[in-house]
mmCIF file of all heavy atoms, coordinates in Angstrom:
data_MODEL
# 
_entry.id   MODEL 
# 
loop_
_atom_site.group_PDB 
_atom_site.id 
_atom_site.type_symbol 
_atom_site.label_atom_id 
_atom_site.label_alt_id 
_atom_site.label_comp_id 
_atom_site.label_asym_id 
_atom_site.label_entity_id 
_atom_site.label_seq_id 
_atom_site.pdbx_PDB_ins_code 
_atom_site.Cartn_x 
_atom_site.Cartn_y 
_atom_site.Cartn_z 
_atom_site.occupancy 
_atom_site.B_iso_or_equiv 
_atom_site.pdbx_formal_charge 
_atom_site.auth_seq_id 
_atom_site.auth_comp_id 
_atom_site.auth_asym_id 
_atom_site.auth_atom_id 
_atom_site.pdbx_PDB_model_num 
ATOM 1   N N   . PHE A 1 1  ? 141.376 54.131 85.631 1.00 0.00 ? 1  PHE A N   1 
ATOM 2   C CA  . PHE A 1 1  ? 142.416 53.232 85.128 1.00 0.00 ? 1  PHE A CA  1 
ATOM 3   C C   . PHE A 1 1  ? 143.515 53.953 84.345 1.00 0.00 ? 1  PHE A C   1 
ATOM 4   O O   . PHE A 1 1  ? 144.419 53.309 83.830 1.00 0.00 ? 1  PHE A O   1 
ATOM 5   C CB  . PHE A 1 1  ? 141.788 52.140 84.263 1.00 0.00 ? 1  PHE A CB  1 
ATOM 6   C CG  . PHE A 1 1  ? 140.994 51.140 85.056 1.00 0.00 ? 1  PHE A CG  1 
ATOM 7   C CD1 . PHE A 1 1  ? 139.610 51.225 85.109 1.00 0.00 ? 1  PHE A CD1 1 
ATOM 8   C CD2 . PHE A 1 1  ? 141.623 50.127 85.752 1.00 0.00 ? 1  PHE A CD2 1 
ATOM 9   C CE1 . PHE A 1 1  ? 138.866 50.306 85.851 1.00 0.00 ? 1  PHE A CE1 1 
ATOM 10  C CE2 . PHE A 1 1  ? 140.894 49.201 86.488 1.00 0.00 ? 1  PHE A CE2 1 
ATOM 11  C CZ  . PHE A 1 1  ? 139.516 49.299 86.534 1.00 0.00 ? 1  PHE A CZ  1 
ATOM 12  N N   . GLY A 1 2  ? 143.426 55.269 84.233 1.00 0.00 ? 2  GLY A N   1 
ATOM 13  C CA  . GLY A 1 2  ? 144.446 56.016 83.504 1.00 0.00 ? 2  GLY A CA  1 
ATOM 14  C C   . GLY A 1 2  ? 144.394 55.758 82.008 1.00 0.00 ? 2  GLY A C   1 
ATOM 15  O O   . GLY A 1 2  ? 145.439 55.719 81.340 1.00 0.00 ? 2  GLY A O   1 
ATOM 16  N N   . LEU A 1 3  ? 143.202 55.597 81.472 1.00 0.00 ? 3  LEU A N   1 
ATOM 17  C CA  . LEU A 1 3  ? 143.014 55.316 80.048 1.00 0.00 ? 3  LEU A CA  1 
ATOM 18  C C   . LEU A 1 3  ? 142.315 56.478 79.367 1.00 0.00 ? 3  LEU A C   1 
ATOM 19  O O   . LEU A 1 3  ? 141.637 57.273 80.013 1.00 0.00 ? 3  LEU A O   1 
ATOM 20  C CB  . LEU A 1 3  ? 142.150 54.067 79.871 1.00 0.00 ? 3  LEU A CB  1 
ATOM 21  C CG  . LEU A 1 3  ? 142.674 52.764 80.447 1.00 0.00 ? 3  LEU A CG  1 
ATOM 22  C CD1 . LEU A 1 3  ? 141.582 51.704 80.443 1.00 0.00 ? 3  LEU A CD1 1 
ATOM 23  C CD2 . LEU A 1 3  ? 143.889 52.300 79.668 1.00 0.00 ? 3  LEU A CD2 1 
ATOM 24  N N   . ALA A 1 4  ? 142.435 56.539 78.064 1.00 0.00 ? 4  ALA A N   1 
ATOM 25  C CA  . ALA A 1 4  ? 141.632 57.472 77.277 1.00 0.00 ? 4  ALA A CA  1 
ATOM 26  C C   . ALA A 1 4  ? 140.275 56.809 77.029 1.00 0.00 ? 4  ALA A C   1 
ATOM 27  O O   . ALA A 1 4  ? 140.196 55.578 76.919 1.00 0.00 ? 4  ALA A O   1 
ATOM 28  C CB  . ALA A 1 4  ? 142.320 57.779 75.951 1.00 0.00 ? 4  ALA A CB  1 
ATOM 29  N N   . THR A 1 5  ? 139.237 57.608 76.934 1.00 0.00 ? 5  THR A N   1 
ATOM 30  C CA  . THR A 1 5  ? 137.902 57.036 76.731 1.00 0.00 ? 5  THR A CA  1 
ATOM 31  C C   . THR A 1 5  ? 137.815 56.267 75.418 1.00 0.00 ? 5  THR A C   1 
ATOM 32  O O   . THR A 1 5  ? 137.090 55.274 75.336 1.00 0.00 ? 5  THR A O   1 
ATOM 33  C CB  . THR A 1 5  ? 136.812 58.118 76.771 1.00 0.00 ? 5  THR A CB  1 
ATOM 34  O OG1 . THR A 1 5  ? 137.118 59.128 75.802 1.00 0.00 ? 5  THR A OG1 1 
ATOM 35  C CG2 . THR A 1 5  ? 136.706 58.742 78.151 1.00 0.00 ? 5  THR A CG2 1 
ATOM 36  N N   . HIS A 1 6  ? 138.585 56.684 74.410 1.00 0.00 ? 6  HIS A N   1 
ATOM 37  C CA  . HIS A 1 6  ? 138.519 55.966 73.129 1.00 0.00 ? 6  HIS A CA  1 
ATOM 38  C C   . HIS A 1 6  ? 139.028 54.528 73.263 1.00 0.00 ? 6  HIS A C   1 
ATOM 39  O O   . HIS A 1 6  ? 138.623 53.643 72.506 1.00 0.00 ? 6  HIS A O   1 
ATOM 40  C CB  . HIS A 1 6  ? 139.250 56.727 72.012 1.00 0.00 ? 6  HIS A CB  1 
ATOM 41  C CG  . HIS A 1 6  ? 140.737 56.730 72.143 1.00 0.00 ? 6  HIS A CG  1 
ATOM 42  N ND1 . HIS A 1 6  ? 141.521 55.709 71.672 1.00 0.00 ? 6  HIS A ND1 1 
ATOM 43  C CD2 . HIS A 1 6  ? 141.587 57.638 72.683 1.00 0.00 ? 6  HIS A CD2 1 
ATOM 44  C CE1 . HIS A 1 6  ? 142.798 55.983 71.920 1.00 0.00 ? 6  HIS A CE1 1 
ATOM 45  N NE2 . HIS A 1 6  ? 142.854 57.140 72.540 1.00 0.00 ? 6  HIS A NE2 1 
ATOM 46  N N   . VAL A 1 7  ? 139.889 54.281 74.240 1.00 0.00 ? 7  VAL A N   1 
ATOM 47  C CA  . VAL A 1 7  ? 140.372 52.915 74.468 1.00 0.00 ? 7  VAL A CA  1 
ATOM 48  C C   . VAL A 1 7  ? 139.208 52.034 74.931 1.00 0.00 ? 7  VAL A C   1 
ATOM 49  O O   . VAL A 1 7  ? 139.024 50.921 74.430 1.00 0.00 ? 7  VAL A O   1 
ATOM 50  C CB  . VAL A 1 7  ? 141.526 52.902 75.506 1.00 0.00 ? 7  VAL A CB  1 
ATOM 51  C CG1 . VAL A 1 7  ? 141.879 51.481 75.923 1.00 0.00 ? 7  VAL A CG1 1 
ATOM 52  C CG2 . VAL A 1 7  ? 142.737 53.631 74.959 1.00 0.00 ? 7  VAL A CG2 1 
ATOM 53  N N   . LEU A 1 8  ? 138.426 52.533 75.849 1.00 0.00 ? 8  LEU A N   1 
ATOM 54  C CA  . LEU A 1 8  ? 137.268 51.771 76.330 1.00 0.00 ? 8  LEU A CA  1 
ATOM 55  C C   . LEU A 1 8  ? 136.261 51.549 75.208 1.00 0.00 ? 8  LEU A C   1 
ATOM 56  O O   . LEU A 1 8  ? 135.680 50.461 75.080 1.00 0.00 ? 8  LEU A O   1 
ATOM 57  C CB  . LEU A 1 8  ? 136.616 52.476 77.520 1.00 0.00 ? 8  LEU A CB  1 
ATOM 58  C CG  . LEU A 1 8  ? 137.497 52.577 78.768 1.00 0.00 ? 8  LEU A CG  1 
ATOM 59  C CD1 . LEU A 1 8  ? 136.860 53.502 79.794 1.00 0.00 ? 8  LEU A CD1 1 
ATOM 60  C CD2 . LEU A 1 8  ? 137.771 51.209 79.353 1.00 0.00 ? 8  LEU A CD2 1 
ATOM 61  N N   . ARG A 1 9  ? 136.057 52.558 74.364 1.00 0.00 ? 9  ARG A N   1 
ATOM 62  C CA  . ARG A 1 9  ? 135.149 52.399 73.226 1.00 0.00 ? 9  ARG A CA  1 
ATOM 63  C C   . ARG A 1 9  ? 135.677 51.338 72.255 1.00 0.00 ? 9  ARG A C   1 
ATOM 64  O O   . ARG A 1 9  ? 134.913 50.536 71.726 1.00 0.00 ? 9  ARG A O   1 
ATOM 65  C CB  . ARG A 1 9  ? 134.960 53.731 72.506 1.00 0.00 ? 9  ARG A CB  1 
ATOM 66  C CG  . ARG A 1 9  ? 134.109 54.707 73.265 1.00 0.00 ? 9  ARG A CG  1 
ATOM 67  C CD  . ARG A 1 9  ? 133.817 55.961 72.409 1.00 0.00 ? 9  ARG A CD  1 
ATOM 68  N NE  . ARG A 1 9  ? 133.397 57.040 73.267 1.00 0.00 ? 9  ARG A NE  1 
ATOM 69  C CZ  . ARG A 1 9  ? 134.195 58.004 73.733 1.00 0.00 ? 9  ARG A CZ  1 
ATOM 70  N NH1 . ARG A 1 9  ? 135.475 58.041 73.399 1.00 0.00 ? 9  ARG A NH1 1 
ATOM 71  N NH2 . ARG A 1 9  ? 133.712 58.937 74.522 1.00 0.00 ? 9  ARG A NH2 1 
ATOM 72  N N   . HIS A 1 10 ? 136.990 51.350 72.031 1.00 0.00 ? 10 HIS A N   1 
ATOM 73  C CA  . HIS A 1 10 ? 137.604 50.356 71.144 1.00 0.00 ? 10 HIS A CA  1 
ATOM 74  C C   . HIS A 1 10 ? 137.430 48.953 71.707 1.00 0.00 ? 10 HIS A C   1 
ATOM 75  O O   . HIS A 1 10 ? 137.088 48.018 70.988 1.00 0.00 ? 10 HIS A O   1 
ATOM 76  C CB  . HIS A 1 10 ? 139.086 50.687 70.939 1.00 0.00 ? 10 HIS A CB  1 
ATOM 77  C CG  . HIS A 1 10 ? 139.822 49.694 70.115 1.00 0.00 ? 10 HIS A CG  1 
ATOM 78  N ND1 . HIS A 1 10 ? 139.561 49.492 68.782 1.00 0.00 ? 10 HIS A ND1 1 
ATOM 79  C CD2 . HIS A 1 10 ? 140.812 48.823 70.445 1.00 0.00 ? 10 HIS A CD2 1 
ATOM 80  C CE1 . HIS A 1 10 ? 140.359 48.535 68.310 1.00 0.00 ? 10 HIS A CE1 1 
ATOM 81  N NE2 . HIS A 1 10 ? 141.128 48.119 69.311 1.00 0.00 ? 10 HIS A NE2 1 
ATOM 82  N N   . TRP A 1 11 ? 137.671 48.793 72.995 1.00 0.00 ? 11 TRP A N   1 
ATOM 83  C CA  . TRP A 1 11 ? 137.501 47.487 73.624 1.00 0.00 ? 11 TRP A CA  1 
ATOM 84  C C   . TRP A 1 11 ? 136.052 47.025 73.524 1.00 0.00 ? 11 TRP A C   1 
ATOM 85  O O   . TRP A 1 11 ? 135.791 45.846 73.320 1.00 0.00 ? 11 TRP A O   1 
ATOM 86  C CB  . TRP A 1 11 ? 137.961 47.522 75.068 1.00 0.00 ? 11 TRP A CB  1 
ATOM 87  C CG  . TRP A 1 11 ? 139.451 47.697 75.238 1.00 0.00 ? 11 TRP A CG  1 
ATOM 88  C CD1 . TRP A 1 11 ? 140.406 47.709 74.259 1.00 0.00 ? 11 TRP A CD1 1 
ATOM 89  C CD2 . TRP A 1 11 ? 140.144 47.885 76.461 1.00 0.00 ? 11 TRP A CD2 1 
ATOM 90  N NE1 . TRP A 1 11 ? 141.648 47.906 74.800 1.00 0.00 ? 11 TRP A NE1 1 
ATOM 91  C CE2 . TRP A 1 11 ? 141.520 48.005 76.152 1.00 0.00 ? 11 TRP A CE2 1 
ATOM 92  C CE3 . TRP A 1 11 ? 139.739 47.980 77.783 1.00 0.00 ? 11 TRP A CE3 1 
ATOM 93  C CZ2 . TRP A 1 11 ? 142.493 48.199 77.120 1.00 0.00 ? 11 TRP A CZ2 1 
ATOM 94  C CZ3 . TRP A 1 11 ? 140.713 48.174 78.760 1.00 0.00 ? 11 TRP A CZ3 1 
ATOM 95  C CH2 . TRP A 1 11 ? 142.073 48.280 78.426 1.00 0.00 ? 11 TRP A CH2 1 
ATOM 96  N N   . GLU A 1 12 ? 135.132 47.960 73.635 1.00 0.00 ? 12 GLU A N   1 
ATOM 97  C CA  . GLU A 1 12 ? 133.721 47.600 73.475 1.00 0.00 ? 12 GLU A CA  1 
ATOM 98  C C   . GLU A 1 12 ? 133.450 47.151 72.038 1.00 0.00 ? 12 GLU A C   1 
ATOM 99  O O   . GLU A 1 12 ? 132.782 46.127 71.812 1.00 0.00 ? 12 GLU A O   1 
ATOM 100 C CB  . GLU A 1 12 ? 132.825 48.780 73.839 1.00 0.00 ? 12 GLU A CB  1 
ATOM 101 C CG  . GLU A 1 12 ? 131.358 48.463 73.728 1.00 0.00 ? 12 GLU A CG  1 
ATOM 102 C CD  . GLU A 1 12 ? 130.460 49.643 74.050 1.00 0.00 ? 12 GLU A CD  1 
ATOM 103 O OE1 . GLU A 1 12 ? 130.953 50.709 74.480 1.00 0.00 ? 12 GLU A OE1 1 
ATOM 104 O OE2 . GLU A 1 12 ? 129.237 49.490 73.857 1.00 0.00 ? 12 GLU A OE2 1 
ATOM 105 N N   . ALA A 1 13 ? 133.975 47.880 71.063 1.00 0.00 ? 13 ALA A N   1 
ATOM 106 C CA  . ALA A 1 13 ? 133.788 47.515 69.654 1.00 0.00 ? 13 ALA A CA  1 
ATOM 107 C C   . ALA A 1 13 ? 134.369 46.142 69.352 1.00 0.00 ? 13 ALA A C   1 
ATOM 108 O O   . ALA A 1 13 ? 133.848 45.416 68.500 1.00 0.00 ? 13 ALA A O   1 
ATOM 109 C CB  . ALA A 1 13 ? 134.422 48.576 68.749 1.00 0.00 ? 13 ALA A CB  1 
ATOM 110 N N   . MET A 1 14 ? 135.433 45.768 70.063 1.00 0.00 ? 14 MET A N   1 
ATOM 111 C CA  . MET A 1 14 ? 136.057 44.454 69.879 1.00 0.00 ? 14 MET A CA  1 
ATOM 112 C C   . MET A 1 14 ? 135.305 43.340 70.604 1.00 0.00 ? 14 MET A C   1 
ATOM 113 O O   . MET A 1 14 ? 135.638 42.174 70.452 1.00 0.00 ? 14 MET A O   1 
ATOM 114 C CB  . MET A 1 14 ? 137.505 44.478 70.391 1.00 0.00 ? 14 MET A CB  1 
ATOM 115 C CG  . MET A 1 14 ? 138.456 45.268 69.555 1.00 0.00 ? 14 MET A CG  1 
ATOM 116 S SD  . MET A 1 14 ? 140.141 44.999 70.130 1.00 0.00 ? 14 MET A SD  1 
ATOM 117 C CE  . MET A 1 14 ? 140.412 43.302 69.635 1.00 0.00 ? 14 MET A CE  1 
ATOM 118 N N   . GLY A 1 15 ? 134.343 43.707 71.417 1.00 0.00 ? 15 GLY A N   1 
ATOM 119 C CA  . GLY A 1 15 ? 133.596 42.705 72.171 1.00 0.00 ? 15 GLY A CA  1 
ATOM 120 C C   . GLY A 1 15 ? 134.211 42.349 73.511 1.00 0.00 ? 15 GLY A C   1 
ATOM 121 O O   . GLY A 1 15 ? 133.806 41.368 74.137 1.00 0.00 ? 15 GLY A O   1 
ATOM 122 N N   . LEU A 1 16 ? 135.174 43.140 73.953 1.00 0.00 ? 16 LEU A N   1 
ATOM 123 C CA  . LEU A 1 16 ? 135.821 42.872 75.240 1.00 0.00 ? 16 LEU A CA  1 
ATOM 124 C C   . LEU A 1 16 ? 135.025 43.435 76.412 1.00 0.00 ? 16 LEU A C   1 
ATOM 125 O O   . LEU A 1 16 ? 135.141 42.942 77.526 1.00 0.00 ? 16 LEU A O   1 
ATOM 126 C CB  . LEU A 1 16 ? 137.230 43.466 75.252 1.00 0.00 ? 16 LEU A CB  1 
ATOM 127 C CG  . LEU A 1 16 ? 138.235 42.773 74.343 1.00 0.00 ? 16 LEU A CG  1 
ATOM 128 C CD1 . LEU A 1 16 ? 139.495 43.616 74.208 1.00 0.00 ? 16 LEU A CD1 1 
ATOM 129 C CD2 . LEU A 1 16 ? 138.555 41.394 74.857 1.00 0.00 ? 16 LEU A CD2 1 
ATOM 130 N N   . LEU A 1 17 ? 134.254 44.478 76.166 1.00 0.00 ? 17 LEU A N   1 
ATOM 131 C CA  . LEU A 1 17 ? 133.438 45.113 77.204 1.00 0.00 ? 17 LEU A CA  1 
ATOM 132 C C   . LEU A 1 17 ? 132.003 45.243 76.702 1.00 0.00 ? 17 LEU A C   1 
ATOM 133 O O   . LEU A 1 17 ? 131.783 45.447 75.510 1.00 0.00 ? 17 LEU A O   1 
ATOM 134 C CB  . LEU A 1 17 ? 133.964 46.515 77.534 1.00 0.00 ? 17 LEU A CB  1 
ATOM 135 C CG  . LEU A 1 17 ? 135.331 46.624 78.185 1.00 0.00 ? 17 LEU A CG  1 
ATOM 136 C CD1 . LEU A 1 17 ? 135.760 48.088 78.284 1.00 0.00 ? 17 LEU A CD1 1 
ATOM 137 C CD2 . LEU A 1 17 ? 135.318 45.990 79.564 1.00 0.00 ? 17 LEU A CD2 1 
ATOM 138 N N   . THR A 1 18 ? 131.070 45.161 77.633 1.00 0.00 ? 18 THR A N   1 
ATOM 139 C CA  . THR A 1 18 ? 129.654 45.337 77.280 1.00 0.00 ? 18 THR A CA  1 
ATOM 140 C C   . THR A 1 18 ? 128.952 46.161 78.357 1.00 0.00 ? 18 THR A C   1 
ATOM 141 O O   . THR A 1 18 ? 128.116 45.640 79.108 1.00 0.00 ? 18 THR A O   1 
ATOM 142 C CB  . THR A 1 18 ? 128.950 43.974 77.115 1.00 0.00 ? 18 THR A CB  1 
ATOM 143 O OG1 . THR A 1 18 ? 129.165 43.212 78.307 1.00 0.00 ? 18 THR A OG1 1 
ATOM 144 C CG2 . THR A 1 18 ? 129.462 43.211 75.920 1.00 0.00 ? 18 THR A CG2 1 
ATOM 145 N N   . PRO A 1 19 ? 129.297 47.451 78.440 1.00 0.00 ? 19 PRO A N   1 
ATOM 146 C CA  . PRO A 1 19 ? 128.626 48.278 79.447 1.00 0.00 ? 19 PRO A CA  1 
ATOM 147 C C   . PRO A 1 19 ? 127.144 48.432 79.101 1.00 0.00 ? 19 PRO A C   1 
ATOM 148 O O   . PRO A 1 19 ? 126.766 48.377 77.928 1.00 0.00 ? 19 PRO A O   1 
ATOM 149 C CB  . PRO A 1 19 ? 129.360 49.621 79.339 1.00 0.00 ? 19 PRO A CB  1 
ATOM 150 C CG  . PRO A 1 19 ? 129.891 49.655 77.949 1.00 0.00 ? 19 PRO A CG  1 
ATOM 151 C CD  . PRO A 1 19 ? 130.213 48.223 77.604 1.00 0.00 ? 19 PRO A CD  1 
ATOM 152 N N   . VAL A 1 20 ? 126.332 48.611 80.126 1.00 0.00 ? 20 VAL A N   1 
ATOM 153 C CA  . VAL A 1 20 ? 124.910 48.864 79.893 1.00 0.00 ? 20 VAL A CA  1 
ATOM 154 C C   . VAL A 1 20 ? 124.767 50.307 79.418 1.00 0.00 ? 20 VAL A C   1 
ATOM 155 O O   . VAL A 1 20 ? 125.689 51.104 79.537 1.00 0.00 ? 20 VAL A O   1 
ATOM 156 C CB  . VAL A 1 20 ? 124.063 48.612 81.167 1.00 0.00 ? 20 VAL A CB  1 
ATOM 157 C CG1 . VAL A 1 20 ? 124.115 47.144 81.563 1.00 0.00 ? 20 VAL A CG1 1 
ATOM 158 C CG2 . VAL A 1 20 ? 124.511 49.503 82.309 1.00 0.00 ? 20 VAL A CG2 1 
ATOM 159 N N   . ARG A 1 21 ? 123.601 50.613 78.896 1.00 0.00 ? 21 ARG A N   1 
ATOM 160 C CA  . ARG A 1 21 ? 123.312 51.990 78.458 1.00 0.00 ? 21 ARG A CA  1 
ATOM 161 C C   . ARG A 1 21 ? 122.183 52.544 79.314 1.00 0.00 ? 21 ARG A C   1 
ATOM 162 O O   . ARG A 1 21 ? 121.244 51.826 79.657 1.00 0.00 ? 21 ARG A O   1 
ATOM 163 C CB  . ARG A 1 21 ? 122.887 52.014 76.991 1.00 0.00 ? 21 ARG A CB  1 
ATOM 164 C CG  . ARG A 1 21 ? 123.900 51.455 76.002 1.00 0.00 ? 21 ARG A CG  1 
ATOM 165 C CD  . ARG A 1 21 ? 125.058 52.400 75.826 1.00 0.00 ? 21 ARG A CD  1 
ATOM 166 N NE  . ARG A 1 21 ? 126.032 51.848 74.899 1.00 0.00 ? 21 ARG A NE  1 
ATOM 167 C CZ  . ARG A 1 21 ? 126.670 52.573 74.007 1.00 0.00 ? 21 ARG A CZ  1 
ATOM 168 N NH1 . ARG A 1 21 ? 126.443 53.858 73.900 1.00 0.00 ? 21 ARG A NH1 1 
ATOM 169 N NH2 . ARG A 1 21 ? 127.560 52.008 73.226 1.00 0.00 ? 21 ARG A NH2 1 
ATOM 170 N N   . ASP A 1 22 ? 122.304 53.812 79.651 1.00 0.00 ? 22 ASP A N   1 
ATOM 171 C CA  . ASP A 1 22 ? 121.212 54.437 80.401 1.00 0.00 ? 22 ASP A CA  1 
ATOM 172 C C   . ASP A 1 22 ? 120.134 54.902 79.421 1.00 0.00 ? 22 ASP A C   1 
ATOM 173 O O   . ASP A 1 22 ? 120.245 54.678 78.213 1.00 0.00 ? 22 ASP A O   1 
ATOM 174 C CB  . ASP A 1 22 ? 121.729 55.563 81.309 1.00 0.00 ? 22 ASP A CB  1 
ATOM 175 C CG  . ASP A 1 22 ? 122.321 56.746 80.558 1.00 0.00 ? 22 ASP A CG  1 
ATOM 176 O OD1 . ASP A 1 22 ? 122.121 56.864 79.318 1.00 0.00 ? 22 ASP A OD1 1 
ATOM 177 O OD2 . ASP A 1 22 ? 122.990 57.575 81.207 1.00 0.00 ? 22 ASP A OD2 1 
ATOM 178 N N   . ALA A 1 23 ? 119.110 55.551 79.928 1.00 0.00 ? 23 ALA A N   1 
ATOM 179 C CA  . ALA A 1 23 ? 117.977 55.977 79.099 1.00 0.00 ? 23 ALA A CA  1 
ATOM 180 C C   . ALA A 1 23 ? 118.411 56.920 77.978 1.00 0.00 ? 23 ALA A C   1 
ATOM 181 O O   . ALA A 1 23 ? 117.792 56.944 76.910 1.00 0.00 ? 23 ALA A O   1 
ATOM 182 C CB  . ALA A 1 23 ? 116.922 56.643 79.974 1.00 0.00 ? 23 ALA A CB  1 
ATOM 183 N N   . ALA A 1 24 ? 119.499 57.649 78.202 1.00 0.00 ? 24 ALA A N   1 
ATOM 184 C CA  . ALA A 1 24 ? 120.005 58.579 77.191 1.00 0.00 ? 24 ALA A CA  1 
ATOM 185 C C   . ALA A 1 24 ? 121.006 57.917 76.248 1.00 0.00 ? 24 ALA A C   1 
ATOM 186 O O   . ALA A 1 24 ? 121.555 58.575 75.365 1.00 0.00 ? 24 ALA A O   1 
ATOM 187 C CB  . ALA A 1 24 ? 120.635 59.787 77.866 1.00 0.00 ? 24 ALA A CB  1 
# 
């Protein structure tokens, strides 16, 4: 999407995204 990874982390912190987590 041409984004910085911190943008996705910020969106997650805001509750806009909820990616799953792997075993690690």
